[in-house]
mmCIF file of all heavy atoms, coordinates in Angstrom:
data_MODEL
# 
_entry.id   MODEL 
# 
loop_
_atom_site.group_PDB 
_atom_site.id 
_atom_site.type_symbol 
_atom_site.label_atom_id 
_atom_site.label_alt_id 
_atom_site.label_comp_id 
_atom_site.label_asym_id 
_atom_site.label_entity_id 
_atom_site.label_seq_id 
_atom_site.pdbx_PDB_ins_code 
_atom_site.Cartn_x 
_atom_site.Cartn_y 
_atom_site.Cartn_z 
_atom_site.occupancy 
_atom_site.B_iso_or_equiv 
_atom_site.pdbx_formal_charge 
_atom_site.auth_seq_id 
_atom_site.auth_comp_id 
_atom_site.auth_asym_id 
_atom_site.auth_atom_id 
_atom_site.pdbx_PDB_model_num 
ATOM 1   N N   . LEU A 1 1  ? 2.382   88.795  104.818 1.00 0.00 ? 1  LEU A N   1 
ATOM 2   C CA  . LEU A 1 1  ? 3.541   89.268  105.449 1.00 0.00 ? 1  LEU A CA  1 
ATOM 3   C C   . LEU A 1 1  ? 3.916   88.451  106.696 1.00 0.00 ? 1  LEU A C   1 
ATOM 4   O O   . LEU A 1 1  ? 5.052   88.550  107.356 1.00 0.00 ? 1  LEU A O   1 
ATOM 5   C CB  . LEU A 1 1  ? 3.295   90.685  105.948 1.00 0.00 ? 1  LEU A CB  1 
ATOM 6   C CG  . LEU A 1 1  ? 3.034   91.717  104.859 1.00 0.00 ? 1  LEU A CG  1 
ATOM 7   C CD1 . LEU A 1 1  ? 2.649   93.039  105.512 1.00 0.00 ? 1  LEU A CD1 1 
ATOM 8   C CD2 . LEU A 1 1  ? 4.306   91.905  104.059 1.00 0.00 ? 1  LEU A CD2 1 
ATOM 9   N N   . ALA A 1 2  ? 3.048   87.522  107.157 1.00 0.00 ? 2  ALA A N   1 
ATOM 10  C CA  . ALA A 1 2  ? 3.266   86.757  108.332 1.00 0.00 ? 2  ALA A CA  1 
ATOM 11  C C   . ALA A 1 2  ? 3.420   87.659  109.484 1.00 0.00 ? 2  ALA A C   1 
ATOM 12  O O   . ALA A 1 2  ? 4.170   87.336  110.433 1.00 0.00 ? 2  ALA A O   1 
ATOM 13  C CB  . ALA A 1 2  ? 4.369   85.749  108.109 1.00 0.00 ? 2  ALA A CB  1 
ATOM 14  N N   . ALA A 1 3  ? 2.765   88.738  109.494 1.00 0.00 ? 3  ALA A N   1 
ATOM 15  C CA  . ALA A 1 3  ? 2.844   89.726  110.594 1.00 0.00 ? 3  ALA A CA  1 
ATOM 16  C C   . ALA A 1 3  ? 2.016   89.255  111.786 1.00 0.00 ? 3  ALA A C   1 
ATOM 17  O O   . ALA A 1 3  ? 0.918   88.616  111.685 1.00 0.00 ? 3  ALA A O   1 
ATOM 18  C CB  . ALA A 1 3  ? 2.463   91.035  110.247 1.00 0.00 ? 3  ALA A CB  1 
ATOM 19  N N   . GLY A 1 4  ? 2.532   89.395  112.986 1.00 0.00 ? 4  GLY A N   1 
ATOM 20  C CA  . GLY A 1 4  ? 1.783   89.129  114.063 1.00 0.00 ? 4  GLY A CA  1 
ATOM 21  C C   . GLY A 1 4  ? 1.730   87.578  114.487 1.00 0.00 ? 4  GLY A C   1 
ATOM 22  O O   . GLY A 1 4  ? 0.842   87.091  115.180 1.00 0.00 ? 4  GLY A O   1 
ATOM 23  N N   . VAL A 1 5  ? 2.721   86.852  113.873 1.00 0.00 ? 5  VAL A N   1 
ATOM 24  C CA  . VAL A 1 5  ? 2.703   85.367  114.019 1.00 0.00 ? 5  VAL A CA  1 
ATOM 25  C C   . VAL A 1 5  ? 3.000   85.093  115.524 1.00 0.00 ? 5  VAL A C   1 
ATOM 26  O O   . VAL A 1 5  ? 2.335   84.289  116.209 1.00 0.00 ? 5  VAL A O   1 
ATOM 27  C CB  . VAL A 1 5  ? 3.651   84.639  113.175 1.00 0.00 ? 5  VAL A CB  1 
ATOM 28  C CG1 . VAL A 1 5  ? 3.715   83.155  113.401 1.00 0.00 ? 5  VAL A CG1 1 
ATOM 29  C CG2 . VAL A 1 5  ? 3.202   84.856  111.633 1.00 0.00 ? 5  VAL A CG2 1 
ATOM 30  N N   . THR A 1 6  ? 4.025   85.674  116.106 1.00 0.00 ? 6  THR A N   1 
ATOM 31  C CA  . THR A 1 6  ? 4.333   85.594  117.481 1.00 0.00 ? 6  THR A CA  1 
ATOM 32  C C   . THR A 1 6  ? 3.721   86.729  118.296 1.00 0.00 ? 6  THR A C   1 
ATOM 33  O O   . THR A 1 6  ? 3.853   87.884  117.850 1.00 0.00 ? 6  THR A O   1 
ATOM 34  C CB  . THR A 1 6  ? 5.817   85.455  117.698 1.00 0.00 ? 6  THR A CB  1 
ATOM 35  O OG1 . THR A 1 6  ? 6.452   86.673  117.204 1.00 0.00 ? 6  THR A OG1 1 
ATOM 36  C CG2 . THR A 1 6  ? 6.376   84.313  117.015 1.00 0.00 ? 6  THR A CG2 1 
ATOM 37  N N   . ALA A 1 7  ? 3.199   86.443  119.410 1.00 0.00 ? 7  ALA A N   1 
ATOM 38  C CA  . ALA A 1 7  ? 2.461   87.549  120.232 1.00 0.00 ? 7  ALA A CA  1 
ATOM 39  C C   . ALA A 1 7  ? 3.547   88.223  120.968 1.00 0.00 ? 7  ALA A C   1 
ATOM 40  O O   . ALA A 1 7  ? 4.555   87.578  121.583 1.00 0.00 ? 7  ALA A O   1 
ATOM 41  C CB  . ALA A 1 7  ? 1.500   86.793  121.176 1.00 0.00 ? 7  ALA A CB  1 
ATOM 42  N N   . ASP A 1 8  ? 3.464   89.559  120.955 1.00 0.00 ? 8  ASP A N   1 
ATOM 43  C CA  . ASP A 1 8  ? 4.358   90.320  121.930 1.00 0.00 ? 8  ASP A CA  1 
ATOM 44  C C   . ASP A 1 8  ? 3.720   90.345  123.256 1.00 0.00 ? 8  ASP A C   1 
ATOM 45  O O   . ASP A 1 8  ? 2.841   89.593  123.543 1.00 0.00 ? 8  ASP A O   1 
ATOM 46  C CB  . ASP A 1 8  ? 4.465   91.724  121.260 1.00 0.00 ? 8  ASP A CB  1 
ATOM 47  C CG  . ASP A 1 8  ? 5.113   91.736  120.046 1.00 0.00 ? 8  ASP A CG  1 
ATOM 48  O OD1 . ASP A 1 8  ? 5.956   90.808  119.696 1.00 0.00 ? 8  ASP A OD1 1 
ATOM 49  O OD2 . ASP A 1 8  ? 4.939   92.626  119.080 1.00 0.00 ? 8  ASP A OD2 1 
ATOM 50  N N   . THR A 1 9  ? 4.216   91.148  124.099 1.00 0.00 ? 9  THR A N   1 
ATOM 51  C CA  . THR A 1 9  ? 3.800   91.328  125.412 1.00 0.00 ? 9  THR A CA  1 
ATOM 52  C C   . THR A 1 9  ? 2.495   92.023  125.418 1.00 0.00 ? 9  THR A C   1 
ATOM 53  O O   . THR A 1 9  ? 1.681   91.767  126.340 1.00 0.00 ? 9  THR A O   1 
ATOM 54  C CB  . THR A 1 9  ? 4.766   92.049  126.341 1.00 0.00 ? 9  THR A CB  1 
ATOM 55  O OG1 . THR A 1 9  ? 5.078   93.345  125.674 1.00 0.00 ? 9  THR A OG1 1 
ATOM 56  C CG2 . THR A 1 9  ? 6.090   91.298  126.601 1.00 0.00 ? 9  THR A CG2 1 
ATOM 57  N N   . VAL A 1 10 ? 2.312   92.869  124.473 1.00 0.00 ? 10 VAL A N   1 
ATOM 58  C CA  . VAL A 1 10 ? 1.020   93.565  124.243 1.00 0.00 ? 10 VAL A CA  1 
ATOM 59  C C   . VAL A 1 10 ? 0.344   92.911  123.138 1.00 0.00 ? 10 VAL A C   1 
ATOM 60  O O   . VAL A 1 10 ? 0.811   92.908  122.008 1.00 0.00 ? 10 VAL A O   1 
ATOM 61  C CB  . VAL A 1 10 ? 1.201   95.118  123.980 1.00 0.00 ? 10 VAL A CB  1 
ATOM 62  C CG1 . VAL A 1 10 ? -0.046  95.732  123.787 1.00 0.00 ? 10 VAL A CG1 1 
ATOM 63  C CG2 . VAL A 1 10 ? 2.042   95.746  125.163 1.00 0.00 ? 10 VAL A CG2 1 
ATOM 64  N N   . ILE A 1 11 ? -1.039  92.449  123.350 1.00 0.00 ? 11 ILE A N   1 
ATOM 65  C CA  . ILE A 1 11 ? -1.704  91.828  122.318 1.00 0.00 ? 11 ILE A CA  1 
ATOM 66  C C   . ILE A 1 11 ? -2.775  92.878  121.758 1.00 0.00 ? 11 ILE A C   1 
ATOM 67  O O   . ILE A 1 11 ? -3.512  93.486  122.567 1.00 0.00 ? 11 ILE A O   1 
ATOM 68  C CB  . ILE A 1 11 ? -2.470  90.634  122.842 1.00 0.00 ? 11 ILE A CB  1 
ATOM 69  C CG1 . ILE A 1 11 ? -1.445  89.475  123.323 1.00 0.00 ? 11 ILE A CG1 1 
ATOM 70  C CG2 . ILE A 1 11 ? -3.400  90.026  121.743 1.00 0.00 ? 11 ILE A CG2 1 
ATOM 71  C CD1 . ILE A 1 11 ? -2.067  88.353  123.913 1.00 0.00 ? 11 ILE A CD1 1 
ATOM 72  N N   . ASP A 1 12 ? -2.713  93.196  120.537 1.00 0.00 ? 12 ASP A N   1 
ATOM 73  C CA  . ASP A 1 12 ? -3.607  94.054  119.927 1.00 0.00 ? 12 ASP A CA  1 
ATOM 74  C C   . ASP A 1 12 ? -4.775  93.321  119.414 1.00 0.00 ? 12 ASP A C   1 
ATOM 75  O O   . ASP A 1 12 ? -4.718  92.639  118.301 1.00 0.00 ? 12 ASP A O   1 
ATOM 76  C CB  . ASP A 1 12 ? -2.772  94.783  118.830 1.00 0.00 ? 12 ASP A CB  1 
ATOM 77  C CG  . ASP A 1 12 ? -3.697  95.960  118.165 1.00 0.00 ? 12 ASP A CG  1 
ATOM 78  O OD1 . ASP A 1 12 ? -4.756  96.282  118.737 1.00 0.00 ? 12 ASP A OD1 1 
ATOM 79  O OD2 . ASP A 1 12 ? -3.314  96.431  117.088 1.00 0.00 ? 12 ASP A OD2 1 
ATOM 80  N N   . LEU A 1 13 ? -5.943  93.437  120.039 1.00 0.00 ? 13 LEU A N   1 
ATOM 81  C CA  . LEU A 1 13 ? -7.115  92.666  119.642 1.00 0.00 ? 13 LEU A CA  1 
ATOM 82  C C   . LEU A 1 13 ? -7.777  93.051  118.344 1.00 0.00 ? 13 LEU A C   1 
ATOM 83  O O   . LEU A 1 13 ? -8.262  92.348  117.552 1.00 0.00 ? 13 LEU A O   1 
ATOM 84  C CB  . LEU A 1 13 ? -8.165  92.586  120.679 1.00 0.00 ? 13 LEU A CB  1 
ATOM 85  C CG  . LEU A 1 13 ? -7.731  91.801  121.999 1.00 0.00 ? 13 LEU A CG  1 
ATOM 86  C CD1 . LEU A 1 13 ? -8.878  92.020  123.111 1.00 0.00 ? 13 LEU A CD1 1 
ATOM 87  C CD2 . LEU A 1 13 ? -7.480  90.438  121.831 1.00 0.00 ? 13 LEU A CD2 1 
ATOM 88  N N   . VAL A 1 14 ? -7.663  94.468  118.091 1.00 0.00 ? 14 VAL A N   1 
ATOM 89  C CA  . VAL A 1 14 ? -8.325  94.887  116.828 1.00 0.00 ? 14 VAL A CA  1 
ATOM 90  C C   . VAL A 1 14 ? -7.339  94.901  115.730 1.00 0.00 ? 14 VAL A C   1 
ATOM 91  O O   . VAL A 1 14 ? -7.689  94.374  114.659 1.00 0.00 ? 14 VAL A O   1 
ATOM 92  C CB  . VAL A 1 14 ? -8.742  96.385  117.078 1.00 0.00 ? 14 VAL A CB  1 
ATOM 93  C CG1 . VAL A 1 14 ? -9.359  96.893  115.856 1.00 0.00 ? 14 VAL A CG1 1 
ATOM 94  C CG2 . VAL A 1 14 ? -9.811  96.446  118.214 1.00 0.00 ? 14 VAL A CG2 1 
ATOM 95  N N   . GLY A 1 15 ? -6.072  95.226  115.946 1.00 0.00 ? 15 GLY A N   1 
ATOM 96  C CA  . GLY A 1 15 ? -5.061  94.960  114.920 1.00 0.00 ? 15 GLY A CA  1 
ATOM 97  C C   . GLY A 1 15 ? -5.308  95.720  113.589 1.00 0.00 ? 15 GLY A C   1 
ATOM 98  O O   . GLY A 1 15 ? -5.956  96.829  113.508 1.00 0.00 ? 15 GLY A O   1 
ATOM 99  N N   . ALA A 1 16 ? -4.782  95.100  112.535 1.00 0.00 ? 16 ALA A N   1 
ATOM 100 C CA  . ALA A 1 16 ? -4.869  95.659  111.153 1.00 0.00 ? 16 ALA A CA  1 
ATOM 101 C C   . ALA A 1 16 ? -6.267  95.797  110.714 1.00 0.00 ? 16 ALA A C   1 
ATOM 102 O O   . ALA A 1 16 ? -6.523  96.790  110.031 1.00 0.00 ? 16 ALA A O   1 
ATOM 103 C CB  . ALA A 1 16 ? -3.986  94.850  110.229 1.00 0.00 ? 16 ALA A CB  1 
ATOM 104 N N   . ILE A 1 17 ? -7.087  94.984  110.921 1.00 0.00 ? 17 ILE A N   1 
ATOM 105 C CA  . ILE A 1 17 ? -8.668  95.034  110.556 1.00 0.00 ? 17 ILE A CA  1 
ATOM 106 C C   . ILE A 1 17 ? -9.158  96.260  111.249 1.00 0.00 ? 17 ILE A C   1 
ATOM 107 O O   . ILE A 1 17 ? -9.931  97.027  110.571 1.00 0.00 ? 17 ILE A O   1 
ATOM 108 C CB  . ILE A 1 17 ? -9.280  93.758  110.801 1.00 0.00 ? 17 ILE A CB  1 
ATOM 109 C CG1 . ILE A 1 17 ? -8.806  92.605  110.158 1.00 0.00 ? 17 ILE A CG1 1 
ATOM 110 C CG2 . ILE A 1 17 ? -10.722 93.970  110.470 1.00 0.00 ? 17 ILE A CG2 1 
ATOM 111 C CD1 . ILE A 1 17 ? -9.310  91.325  110.470 1.00 0.00 ? 17 ILE A CD1 1 
ATOM 112 N N   . GLY A 1 18 ? -8.916  96.445  112.519 1.00 0.00 ? 18 GLY A N   1 
ATOM 113 C CA  . GLY A 1 18 ? -9.445  97.558  113.325 1.00 0.00 ? 18 GLY A CA  1 
ATOM 114 C C   . GLY A 1 18 ? -8.922  98.884  112.734 1.00 0.00 ? 18 GLY A C   1 
ATOM 115 O O   . GLY A 1 18 ? -9.645  100.014 112.913 1.00 0.00 ? 18 GLY A O   1 
ATOM 116 N N   . ARG A 1 19 ? -7.826  98.965  112.062 1.00 0.00 ? 19 ARG A N   1 
ATOM 117 C CA  . ARG A 1 19 ? -7.357  100.198 111.547 1.00 0.00 ? 19 ARG A CA  1 
ATOM 118 C C   . ARG A 1 19 ? -7.885  100.367 110.072 1.00 0.00 ? 19 ARG A C   1 
ATOM 119 O O   . ARG A 1 19 ? -8.116  101.461 109.609 1.00 0.00 ? 19 ARG A O   1 
ATOM 120 C CB  . ARG A 1 19 ? -5.868  100.262 111.525 1.00 0.00 ? 19 ARG A CB  1 
ATOM 121 C CG  . ARG A 1 19 ? -5.267  100.494 112.967 1.00 0.00 ? 19 ARG A CG  1 
ATOM 122 C CD  . ARG A 1 19 ? -3.856  100.577 112.976 1.00 0.00 ? 19 ARG A CD  1 
ATOM 123 N NE  . ARG A 1 19 ? -2.976  99.393  112.610 1.00 0.00 ? 19 ARG A NE  1 
ATOM 124 C CZ  . ARG A 1 19 ? -2.858  98.418  113.336 1.00 0.00 ? 19 ARG A CZ  1 
ATOM 125 N NH1 . ARG A 1 19 ? -3.155  98.318  114.595 1.00 0.00 ? 19 ARG A NH1 1 
ATOM 126 N NH2 . ARG A 1 19 ? -2.033  97.365  112.797 1.00 0.00 ? 19 ARG A NH2 1 
ATOM 127 N N   . SER A 1 20 ? -7.899  99.269  109.250 1.00 0.00 ? 20 SER A N   1 
ATOM 128 C CA  . SER A 1 20 ? -8.211  99.354  107.895 1.00 0.00 ? 20 SER A CA  1 
ATOM 129 C C   . SER A 1 20 ? -9.738  99.575  107.695 1.00 0.00 ? 20 SER A C   1 
ATOM 130 O O   . SER A 1 20 ? -10.129 100.311 106.768 1.00 0.00 ? 20 SER A O   1 
ATOM 131 C CB  . SER A 1 20 ? -7.805  98.050  107.336 1.00 0.00 ? 20 SER A CB  1 
ATOM 132 O OG  . SER A 1 20 ? -8.239  98.063  105.891 1.00 0.00 ? 20 SER A OG  1 
ATOM 133 N N   . VAL A 1 21 ? -10.519 98.814  108.411 1.00 0.00 ? 21 VAL A N   1 
ATOM 134 C CA  . VAL A 1 21 ? -12.004 99.070  108.136 1.00 0.00 ? 21 VAL A CA  1 
ATOM 135 C C   . VAL A 1 21 ? -12.526 100.359 108.481 1.00 0.00 ? 21 VAL A C   1 
ATOM 136 O O   . VAL A 1 21 ? -13.278 101.075 107.647 1.00 0.00 ? 21 VAL A O   1 
ATOM 137 C CB  . VAL A 1 21 ? -12.687 97.912  109.034 1.00 0.00 ? 21 VAL A CB  1 
ATOM 138 C CG1 . VAL A 1 21 ? -14.288 98.160  109.004 1.00 0.00 ? 21 VAL A CG1 1 
ATOM 139 C CG2 . VAL A 1 21 ? -12.445 96.489  108.392 1.00 0.00 ? 21 VAL A CG2 1 
ATOM 140 N N   . PRO A 1 22 ? -12.323 100.986 109.541 1.00 0.00 ? 22 PRO A N   1 
ATOM 141 C CA  . PRO A 1 22 ? -12.691 102.396 109.792 1.00 0.00 ? 22 PRO A CA  1 
ATOM 142 C C   . PRO A 1 22 ? -12.200 103.410 108.962 1.00 0.00 ? 22 PRO A C   1 
ATOM 143 O O   . PRO A 1 22 ? -12.824 104.499 108.605 1.00 0.00 ? 22 PRO A O   1 
ATOM 144 C CB  . PRO A 1 22 ? -12.438 102.719 111.266 1.00 0.00 ? 22 PRO A CB  1 
ATOM 145 C CG  . PRO A 1 22 ? -12.186 101.383 112.018 1.00 0.00 ? 22 PRO A CG  1 
ATOM 146 C CD  . PRO A 1 22 ? -11.702 100.533 110.846 1.00 0.00 ? 22 PRO A CD  1 
ATOM 147 N N   . ALA A 1 23 ? -11.014 103.145 108.334 1.00 0.00 ? 23 ALA A N   1 
ATOM 148 C CA  . ALA A 1 23 ? -10.442 104.038 107.346 1.00 0.00 ? 23 ALA A CA  1 
ATOM 149 C C   . ALA A 1 23 ? -11.072 104.099 105.947 1.00 0.00 ? 23 ALA A C   1 
ATOM 150 O O   . ALA A 1 23 ? -10.996 105.010 105.301 1.00 0.00 ? 23 ALA A O   1 
ATOM 151 C CB  . ALA A 1 23 ? -9.028  103.852 107.174 1.00 0.00 ? 23 ALA A CB  1 
ATOM 152 N N   . GLN A 1 24 ? -11.895 102.987 105.728 1.00 0.00 ? 24 GLN A N   1 
ATOM 153 C CA  . GLN A 1 24 ? -12.546 102.699 104.527 1.00 0.00 ? 24 GLN A CA  1 
ATOM 154 C C   . GLN A 1 24 ? -13.939 102.309 104.642 1.00 0.00 ? 24 GLN A C   1 
ATOM 155 O O   . GLN A 1 24 ? -14.489 101.502 104.034 1.00 0.00 ? 24 GLN A O   1 
ATOM 156 C CB  . GLN A 1 24 ? -11.883 101.644 103.706 1.00 0.00 ? 24 GLN A CB  1 
ATOM 157 C CG  . GLN A 1 24 ? -10.344 101.853 103.473 1.00 0.00 ? 24 GLN A CG  1 
ATOM 158 C CD  . GLN A 1 24 ? -9.732  100.677 102.793 1.00 0.00 ? 24 GLN A CD  1 
ATOM 159 O OE1 . GLN A 1 24 ? -10.349 99.884  101.983 1.00 0.00 ? 24 GLN A OE1 1 
ATOM 160 N NE2 . GLN A 1 24 ? -8.379  100.454 103.070 1.00 0.00 ? 24 GLN A NE2 1 
# 
């Protein structure tokens, strides 16, 4: 998806992995 290629003002260090891994 090329998501998160450019950093916003808020950097999410955990991101998609941090949401996906605990859910599974």
